[in-house]
Amino acid sequence: MTAQMEIHSSKSGKHILAIYSNSQEKLDAAFEFLKEGLSSNEAILLITDDLTQTEAIEIMTKKFGDKFDVLRLVEEGMINIHSSTEWYFSNGFFDINRIKDRWKETVEWIISKKSDALDWGKITTLRVFEDIKPLFENGITEDLISYEESLEREFSISLNAICAYESKDLNKLDKRQMKTLLEHHGLVSNKNYDYLVDPFLNCHIILLYEDQLELDTAIANYINEGLKRGQLCVHASVQLNGPSYIQNFSSKINDYERNVHEGNLLLVNLADFYINAMTENLDAFDNLKVEIIEKAKNDDKRNDKHVRLTADCATMLLKNKHFEQCINLENWWHEKPFEGSYLCPYPNELLKQYPYNYYLFKLFHNHDIVIDADSNVNPQYTQSLVVTTLLDVNKNIEKS
């Protein structure tokens, strides 16, 4: 490429919410994302408290040094590294208007510059990776939500930004706050995120499985992780009357007998619930809700109040072509009757067939996310979250 060639910036920038399990995973993704920015002739900005500027430059030199003169790009202002205090609290407090003005001023300054250290010389866009964890640590969650709410899903300036959240911080948000985040980001990335191990609070999940082994393994992973964390787990099934079913299920649950005896794992036979649901009578589910809420509330020894539930009554209604009753029950679950997460299994092959596929939109519309047995998100079916990998994020940015 010659110095005269220019990359034409998109008219709108990307506002991306990314979810990570821990700080190291987040930092690894940051350097990958920012290196891709330099390769696309974008200036880059890293906002983090996990590394000093010197430490960040040392890592960039190791990761980028084969292709870029990192120290020179830092001197020219093409690589920028700031702490959260420097960027968000420059006035001594969290000033939303000042932060937004600073984004605009920085982008205008960047695109007016030229760097011979980059392939194409002319800078077209600012690519940003901003770590949000310090804002939670500073106790300004509501200010953070107001800040995100003031931003567009797609920026009107040449700015591509990842807002990097850790899952433990997202779990601190209530439904309104989480809804605001999703509404004000154009893309959501969850690279390597496992929804069976670490489901979001009040996440209503569809699990698409290919066979019984996949189903059993996924449910066991979901429940065993909850038991490990000291959470109340509820396994509700229309099949609990079958001795072979219990034998198979119990063999996959860690310390099954002890956890059932101590009340860590509740087993709920949904056979009678199913009959009532066929007539659209959900009184039994209302009673179950009260029982679960009371148990979670009054269990003083349990510090983690997240309740994990698996239920297959709606699945059986769908299999037997009681379609409206299935949707009605899923509507009930989607009201999130208690604080926790909800896993609803459905056979993937069945949903591809007529007339079952006719009800896909209604079914998936009443869930937050759709995953397979390996916890991979199916973005085609996901309604509340538009999930891509970071690779897909990069491709989307480059195509704009």
Protein backbone atom coordinates (compact mmCIF):
# COMPACT_ATOMS: atom_id res chain seq x y z
CA MET A 1 0.00 0.00 0.00
CA THR A 2 1.24 3.48 -0.78
CA ALA A 3 1.15 6.50 1.48
CA GLN A 4 -1.31 8.18 -0.86
CA MET A 5 -4.01 5.53 -0.34
CA GLU A 6 -6.71 6.42 2.15
CA ILE A 7 -9.32 4.37 3.91
CA HIS A 8 -12.70 6.08 3.88
CA SER A 9 -14.24 6.29 7.32
CA SER A 10 -17.76 5.15 7.97
CA LYS A 11 -20.30 7.92 8.40
CA SER A 12 -21.36 6.36 11.68
CA GLY A 13 -19.19 4.70 14.33
CA LYS A 14 -19.84 1.50 16.23
CA HIS A 15 -20.91 1.48 19.88
CA ILE A 16 -20.21 -2.02 21.16
CA LEU A 17 -20.97 -3.63 24.52
CA ALA A 18 -18.56 -6.49 25.24
CA ILE A 19 -18.84 -8.98 28.08
CA TYR A 20 -15.89 -10.74 29.70
CA SER A 21 -15.54 -13.27 32.51
CA ASN A 22 -12.43 -11.72 34.07
CA SER A 23 -9.82 -8.97 33.71
CA GLN A 24 -7.24 -11.08 31.88
CA GLU A 25 -9.71 -12.19 29.22
CA LYS A 26 -10.72 -8.55 28.85
CA LEU A 27 -7.14 -7.30 28.42
CA ASP A 28 -6.33 -10.02 25.87
CA ALA A 29 -9.36 -8.94 23.84
CA ALA A 30 -8.39 -5.27 24.19
CA PHE A 31 -4.97 -5.72 22.58
CA GLU A 32 -6.40 -7.89 19.82
CA PHE A 33 -9.08 -5.30 19.07
CA LEU A 34 -6.67 -2.36 19.16
CA LYS A 35 -4.05 -4.04 16.99
CA GLU A 36 -6.74 -4.65 14.38
CA GLY A 37 -7.48 -0.93 14.57
CA LEU A 38 -3.94 0.04 13.71
CA SER A 39 -4.02 -2.42 10.81
CA SER A 40 -7.15 -0.62 9.58
CA ASN A 41 -5.42 2.77 9.82
CA GLU A 42 -7.29 3.84 12.92
CA ALA A 43 -5.77 5.65 15.88
CA ILE A 44 -6.35 3.77 19.13
CA LEU A 45 -7.20 4.63 22.72
CA LEU A 46 -7.07 2.30 25.72
CA ILE A 47 -8.79 3.34 28.97
CA THR A 48 -7.91 1.02 31.85
CA ASP A 49 -6.82 0.95 35.47
CA ASP A 50 -5.46 -2.61 35.22
CA LEU A 51 -2.21 -1.43 33.61
CA THR A 52 -0.06 1.66 33.85
CA GLN A 53 0.81 3.49 30.66
CA THR A 54 4.32 2.03 30.78
CA GLU A 55 3.01 -1.53 31.23
CA ALA A 56 0.52 -1.10 28.39
CA ILE A 57 3.23 0.22 26.04
CA GLU A 58 5.49 -2.72 26.90
CA ILE A 59 2.70 -5.20 26.04
CA MET A 60 1.87 -3.35 22.81
CA THR A 61 5.53 -3.40 21.82
CA LYS A 62 5.60 -7.18 22.26
CA LYS A 63 2.29 -7.75 20.47
CA PHE A 64 2.45 -5.02 17.82
CA GLY A 65 6.20 -4.42 17.45
CA ASP A 66 6.65 -6.72 14.48
CA LYS A 67 4.43 -4.44 12.40
CA PHE A 68 4.27 -1.03 14.11
CA ASP A 69 6.68 1.42 15.72
CA VAL A 70 4.75 1.64 18.98
CA LEU A 71 6.85 4.33 20.69
CA ARG A 72 6.66 6.56 17.66
CA LEU A 73 2.88 6.15 17.41
CA VAL A 74 2.58 7.04 21.10
CA GLU A 75 4.65 10.19 20.55
CA GLU A 76 2.49 11.16 17.55
CA GLY A 77 -0.74 10.61 19.50
CA MET A 78 -1.86 7.69 17.35
CA ILE A 79 -1.68 5.37 20.39
CA ASN A 80 -3.28 6.81 23.53
CA ILE A 81 -3.46 5.23 26.98
CA HIS A 82 -5.36 6.75 29.89
CA SER A 83 -6.53 5.74 33.33
CA SER A 84 -10.20 6.06 34.25
CA THR A 85 -9.34 9.03 36.47
CA GLU A 86 -7.64 10.86 33.60
CA TRP A 87 -10.49 10.22 31.16
CA TYR A 88 -13.70 10.14 33.18
CA PHE A 89 -12.84 12.36 36.15
CA SER A 90 -10.73 15.08 34.54
CA ASN A 91 -12.90 17.73 36.22
CA GLY A 92 -12.67 15.97 39.57
CA PHE A 93 -16.09 14.35 39.11
CA PHE A 94 -17.99 12.29 36.53
CA ASP A 95 -19.20 14.95 34.09
CA ILE A 96 -21.20 13.37 31.26
CA ASN A 97 -21.25 16.47 29.06
CA ARG A 98 -17.52 17.00 29.45
CA ILE A 99 -16.79 13.35 28.58
CA LYS A 100 -18.93 13.55 25.43
CA ASP A 101 -17.25 16.83 24.40
CA ARG A 102 -13.88 15.19 24.91
CA TRP A 103 -14.82 12.31 22.58
CA LYS A 104 -15.72 14.80 19.86
CA GLU A 105 -12.61 16.91 20.38
CA THR A 106 -10.33 13.85 20.36
CA VAL A 107 -11.86 12.46 17.16
CA GLU A 108 -11.58 15.84 15.42
CA TRP A 109 -7.92 16.12 16.45
CA ILE A 110 -7.14 12.56 15.39
CA ILE A 111 -8.61 12.75 11.89
CA SER A 112 -6.75 16.02 11.24
CA LYS A 113 -3.44 14.23 11.72
CA LYS A 114 -1.24 12.14 9.46
CA SER A 115 1.22 9.45 10.50
CA ASP A 116 3.96 8.05 8.26
CA ALA A 117 4.30 5.23 10.77
CA LEU A 118 1.02 3.75 9.49
CA ASP A 119 0.62 2.18 6.05
CA TRP A 120 -1.84 4.68 4.67
CA GLY A 121 -0.73 7.80 6.48
CA LYS A 122 -4.10 9.46 6.85
CA ILE A 123 -6.03 8.62 10.03
CA THR A 124 -9.73 8.12 9.50
CA THR A 125 -11.18 6.83 12.77
CA LEU A 126 -10.54 6.52 16.49
CA ARG A 127 -10.88 2.99 17.88
CA VAL A 128 -11.41 2.79 21.65
CA PHE A 129 -11.41 0.04 24.26
CA GLU A 130 -12.76 1.44 27.52
CA ASP A 131 -12.79 -0.66 30.69
CA ILE A 132 -16.01 0.03 32.61
CA LYS A 133 -15.02 -1.82 35.80
CA PRO A 134 -13.52 1.29 37.53
CA LEU A 135 -16.89 3.05 37.29
CA PHE A 136 -18.51 0.24 39.27
CA GLU A 137 -15.64 0.36 41.76
CA ASN A 138 -16.24 4.10 42.19
CA GLY A 139 -19.87 3.43 43.09
CA ILE A 140 -21.38 5.51 40.29
CA THR A 141 -23.50 2.85 38.62
CA GLU A 142 -26.48 5.13 38.05
CA ASP A 143 -24.25 7.83 36.55
CA LEU A 144 -22.76 5.17 34.27
CA ILE A 145 -26.22 4.12 33.06
CA SER A 146 -27.15 7.78 32.43
CA TYR A 147 -23.92 8.18 30.47
CA GLU A 148 -24.62 5.11 28.30
CA GLU A 149 -28.20 6.28 27.83
CA SER A 150 -26.93 9.63 26.48
CA LEU A 151 -24.95 7.86 23.73
CA GLU A 152 -26.25 6.63 20.39
CA ARG A 153 -26.35 3.01 19.22
CA GLU A 154 -24.20 4.21 16.33
CA PHE A 155 -22.02 7.28 16.82
CA SER A 156 -22.41 10.24 14.49
CA ILE A 157 -18.64 10.77 14.65
CA SER A 158 -15.77 8.55 13.42
CA LEU A 159 -15.51 6.57 16.63
CA ASN A 160 -15.55 2.78 17.09
CA ALA A 161 -15.74 2.00 20.80
CA ILE A 162 -15.99 -1.14 22.91
CA CYS A 163 -17.47 -0.63 26.38
CA ALA A 164 -15.90 -3.57 28.23
CA TYR A 165 -17.97 -5.01 31.07
CA GLU A 166 -17.17 -7.92 33.36
CA SER A 167 -20.04 -10.34 33.94
CA LYS A 168 -19.87 -9.92 37.73
CA ASP A 169 -20.56 -6.19 37.31
CA LEU A 170 -23.45 -6.72 34.89
CA ASN A 171 -25.04 -9.02 37.46
CA LYS A 172 -25.28 -6.01 39.78
CA LEU A 173 -27.64 -4.21 37.39
CA ASP A 174 -31.41 -4.34 37.66
CA LYS A 175 -33.73 -5.06 34.71
CA ARG A 176 -34.15 -1.38 33.78
CA GLN A 177 -30.43 -0.71 33.80
CA MET A 178 -29.65 -3.80 31.71
CA LYS A 179 -32.38 -2.92 29.24
CA THR A 180 -30.88 0.58 28.86
CA LEU A 181 -27.45 -0.85 28.10
CA LEU A 182 -28.81 -3.15 25.41
CA GLU A 183 -30.89 -0.41 23.82
CA HIS A 184 -27.95 2.00 23.53
CA HIS A 185 -25.38 -0.32 21.98
CA GLY A 186 -25.51 -1.35 18.34
CA LEU A 187 -23.63 -4.60 18.90
CA VAL A 188 -23.04 -6.92 21.83
CA SER A 189 -20.01 -9.19 21.95
CA ASN A 190 -19.62 -12.13 24.31
CA LYS A 191 -16.43 -13.78 23.16
CA ASN A 192 -15.90 -17.06 25.05
CA TYR A 193 -18.77 -16.32 27.43
CA ASP A 194 -20.50 -19.38 28.95
CA TYR A 195 -24.16 -18.78 29.76
CA LEU A 196 -24.55 -22.20 31.38
CA VAL A 197 -21.75 -21.51 33.84
CA ASP A 198 -22.42 -17.83 34.51
CA PRO A 199 -25.93 -16.78 33.42
CA PHE A 200 -26.92 -13.16 33.87
CA LEU A 201 -29.38 -12.30 36.59
CA ASN A 202 -32.94 -12.81 35.30
CA CYS A 203 -31.70 -14.31 32.04
CA HIS A 204 -34.38 -16.46 30.35
CA ILE A 205 -32.50 -18.94 28.15
CA ILE A 206 -33.56 -21.32 25.41
CA LEU A 207 -31.27 -24.34 25.16
CA LEU A 208 -31.33 -25.98 21.72
CA TYR A 209 -30.10 -29.58 21.92
CA GLU A 210 -29.49 -32.26 19.30
CA ASP A 211 -29.91 -35.41 21.40
CA GLN A 212 -30.52 -36.64 24.95
CA LEU A 213 -26.81 -36.79 25.79
CA GLU A 214 -26.36 -33.13 24.87
CA LEU A 215 -29.40 -32.18 26.93
CA ASP A 216 -28.31 -34.17 30.00
CA THR A 217 -24.78 -32.78 29.87
CA ALA A 218 -25.89 -29.15 29.48
CA ILE A 219 -28.41 -29.33 32.32
CA ALA A 220 -25.86 -31.04 34.57
CA ASN A 221 -23.27 -28.32 33.84
CA TYR A 222 -25.81 -25.60 34.61
CA ILE A 223 -26.96 -27.18 37.89
CA ASN A 224 -23.55 -28.37 39.10
CA GLU A 225 -22.09 -24.89 38.68
CA GLY A 226 -24.99 -23.45 40.68
CA LEU A 227 -24.50 -25.99 43.47
CA LYS A 228 -20.78 -25.21 43.48
CA ARG A 229 -21.58 -21.53 44.01
CA GLY A 230 -23.99 -22.27 46.84
CA GLN A 231 -27.05 -21.27 44.79
CA LEU A 232 -30.50 -22.82 45.09
CA CYS A 233 -31.13 -25.05 42.05
CA VAL A 234 -34.56 -26.21 40.90
CA HIS A 235 -35.02 -29.02 38.39
CA ALA A 236 -38.65 -29.15 37.29
CA SER A 237 -39.64 -31.86 34.83
CA VAL A 238 -42.65 -33.78 33.57
CA GLN A 239 -40.44 -36.88 33.50
CA LEU A 240 -39.58 -37.19 37.19
CA ASN A 241 -41.97 -40.13 37.66
CA GLY A 242 -39.75 -42.31 35.50
CA PRO A 243 -37.22 -44.36 37.55
CA SER A 244 -34.78 -44.52 34.63
CA TYR A 245 -34.95 -40.74 34.23
CA ILE A 246 -34.08 -40.13 37.91
CA GLN A 247 -31.31 -42.70 37.79
CA ASN A 248 -29.73 -41.03 34.76
CA PHE A 249 -30.20 -37.47 36.06
CA SER A 250 -28.86 -38.19 39.55
CA SER A 251 -25.72 -39.85 38.14
CA LYS A 252 -24.70 -36.54 36.53
CA ILE A 253 -25.25 -34.28 39.55
CA ASN A 254 -22.42 -33.81 42.03
CA ASP A 255 -23.28 -35.09 45.52
CA TYR A 256 -26.85 -35.66 44.38
CA GLU A 257 -28.21 -37.29 47.55
CA ARG A 258 -26.64 -34.73 49.87
CA ASN A 259 -27.77 -31.73 47.82
CA VAL A 260 -31.35 -33.00 47.63
CA HIS A 261 -31.38 -33.84 51.36
CA GLU A 262 -29.99 -30.42 52.34
CA GLY A 263 -32.42 -28.57 50.08
CA ASN A 264 -29.78 -27.23 47.71
CA LEU A 265 -31.46 -29.02 44.81
CA LEU A 266 -35.26 -29.01 44.58
CA LEU A 267 -36.98 -31.57 42.35
CA VAL A 268 -40.43 -30.55 41.08
CA ASN A 269 -42.66 -33.07 39.31
CA LEU A 270 -44.46 -31.12 36.58
CA ALA A 271 -46.85 -33.88 35.49
CA ASP A 272 -49.88 -32.28 37.19
CA PHE A 273 -48.63 -28.81 36.22
CA TYR A 274 -48.68 -29.95 32.59
CA ILE A 275 -52.33 -31.02 32.77
CA ASN A 276 -53.31 -27.68 34.28
CA ALA A 277 -51.27 -25.76 31.72
CA MET A 278 -53.16 -27.51 28.92
CA THR A 279 -56.27 -25.71 30.15
CA GLU A 280 -54.25 -22.48 30.61
CA ASN A 281 -54.52 -22.78 34.38
CA LEU A 282 -51.19 -21.59 35.81
CA ASP A 283 -52.21 -21.47 39.48
CA ALA A 284 -49.79 -24.29 40.29
CA PHE A 285 -46.93 -22.27 38.81
CA ASP A 286 -47.97 -19.28 40.92
CA ASN A 287 -47.77 -21.49 44.00
CA LEU A 288 -44.35 -22.80 42.91
CA LYS A 289 -43.16 -19.21 42.51
CA VAL A 290 -44.17 -18.39 46.08
CA GLU A 291 -42.47 -21.53 47.39
CA ILE A 292 -39.19 -20.76 45.62
CA ILE A 293 -39.21 -17.10 46.66
CA GLU A 294 -39.86 -17.99 50.29
CA LYS A 295 -37.17 -20.66 50.36
CA ALA A 296 -34.58 -18.35 48.83
CA LYS A 297 -35.58 -15.48 51.12
CA ASN A 298 -35.55 -17.45 54.37
CA ASP A 299 -32.38 -19.46 53.75
CA ASP A 300 -29.96 -17.48 55.91
CA LYS A 301 -27.01 -19.79 55.19
CA ARG A 302 -27.20 -19.08 51.47
CA ASN A 303 -25.31 -15.87 50.64
CA ASP A 304 -25.84 -16.12 46.88
CA LYS A 305 -29.58 -15.65 46.31
CA HIS A 306 -29.44 -16.41 42.58
CA VAL A 307 -31.87 -19.27 41.84
CA ARG A 308 -31.16 -21.57 38.87
CA LEU A 309 -34.18 -23.26 37.34
CA THR A 310 -34.63 -25.77 34.53
CA ALA A 311 -38.14 -26.62 33.37
CA ASP A 312 -39.51 -28.70 30.49
CA CYS A 313 -43.29 -28.32 30.83
CA ALA A 314 -43.47 -25.78 27.99
CA THR A 315 -41.27 -28.08 25.93
CA MET A 316 -43.72 -30.95 26.33
CA LEU A 317 -46.64 -28.67 25.46
CA LEU A 318 -44.89 -27.75 22.22
CA LYS A 319 -44.02 -31.37 21.39
CA ASN A 320 -47.69 -32.32 21.78
CA LYS A 321 -48.77 -29.37 19.61
CA HIS A 322 -50.36 -27.36 22.39
CA PHE A 323 -48.75 -24.31 20.85
CA GLU A 324 -50.68 -21.46 22.42
CA GLN A 325 -50.46 -23.08 25.85
CA CYS A 326 -46.68 -23.38 25.41
CA ILE A 327 -46.39 -19.69 24.51
CA ASN A 328 -48.69 -18.75 27.38
CA LEU A 329 -46.48 -20.59 29.87
CA GLU A 330 -43.29 -19.09 28.45
CA ASN A 331 -44.92 -15.66 28.78
CA TRP A 332 -45.39 -16.45 32.47
CA TRP A 333 -41.75 -17.47 32.91
CA HIS A 334 -40.60 -14.36 31.03
CA GLU A 335 -42.10 -12.19 33.76
CA LYS A 336 -39.09 -13.43 35.78
CA PRO A 337 -41.09 -14.38 38.91
CA PHE A 338 -37.96 -14.64 41.10
CA GLU A 339 -34.33 -13.46 41.03
CA GLY A 340 -32.26 -15.97 39.13
CA SER A 341 -31.94 -17.58 35.71
CA TYR A 342 -34.25 -19.84 33.70
CA LEU A 343 -33.16 -22.61 31.31
CA CYS A 344 -35.77 -23.97 28.89
CA PRO A 345 -34.65 -26.91 26.68
CA TYR A 346 -36.04 -27.48 23.17
CA PRO A 347 -35.01 -30.09 20.55
CA ASN A 348 -33.40 -28.30 17.65
CA GLU A 349 -34.59 -30.70 14.95
CA LEU A 350 -38.23 -30.41 16.04
CA LEU A 351 -38.17 -26.63 15.71
CA LYS A 352 -37.09 -26.92 12.09
CA GLN A 353 -40.26 -28.82 11.18
CA TYR A 354 -43.74 -27.61 10.31
CA PRO A 355 -45.93 -26.66 12.15
CA TYR A 356 -43.50 -26.15 15.06
CA ASN A 357 -41.37 -23.64 13.14
CA TYR A 358 -44.46 -21.50 12.62
CA TYR A 359 -44.27 -20.57 16.33
CA LEU A 360 -40.55 -19.82 16.46
CA PHE A 361 -40.89 -16.06 16.60
CA LYS A 362 -43.37 -16.15 19.48
CA LEU A 363 -41.27 -18.69 21.33
CA PHE A 364 -37.94 -16.93 20.94
CA HIS A 365 -39.45 -13.50 21.49
CA ASN A 366 -40.21 -14.54 25.08
CA HIS A 367 -36.60 -15.38 25.89
CA ASP A 368 -33.45 -13.31 26.33
CA ILE A 369 -31.02 -15.57 24.52
CA VAL A 370 -30.80 -18.80 22.53
CA ILE A 371 -27.81 -21.13 22.99
CA ASP A 372 -26.74 -24.64 22.03
CA ALA A 373 -25.49 -27.32 24.41
CA ASP A 374 -21.95 -25.89 24.23
CA SER A 375 -23.27 -22.47 25.29
CA ASN A 376 -22.71 -20.99 21.83
CA VAL A 377 -25.21 -18.24 21.11
CA ASN A 378 -27.48 -18.58 18.08
CA PRO A 379 -27.68 -14.94 16.90
CA GLN A 380 -30.29 -15.81 14.26
CA TYR A 381 -32.82 -16.54 16.98
CA THR A 382 -31.69 -14.18 19.74
CA GLN A 383 -34.12 -11.31 20.28
CA SER A 384 -32.89 -9.32 23.27
CA LEU A 385 -29.17 -9.70 22.64
CA VAL A 386 -27.44 -9.34 19.28
CA VAL A 387 -24.33 -11.37 20.00
CA THR A 388 -21.24 -11.66 17.81
CA THR A 389 -17.65 -12.65 18.37
CA LEU A 390 -14.96 -9.98 18.38
CA LEU A 391 -13.92 -11.27 14.97
CA ASP A 392 -17.39 -10.48 13.69
CA VAL A 393 -17.20 -7.06 15.32
CA ASN A 394 -13.98 -6.33 13.46
CA LYS A 395 -15.49 -7.47 10.17
CA ASN A 396 -18.55 -5.30 10.68
CA ILE A 397 -16.38 -2.27 11.37
CA GLU A 398 -14.22 -2.86 8.32
CA LYS A 399 -17.21 -3.30 6.02
CA SER A 400 -18.79 0.01 7.08
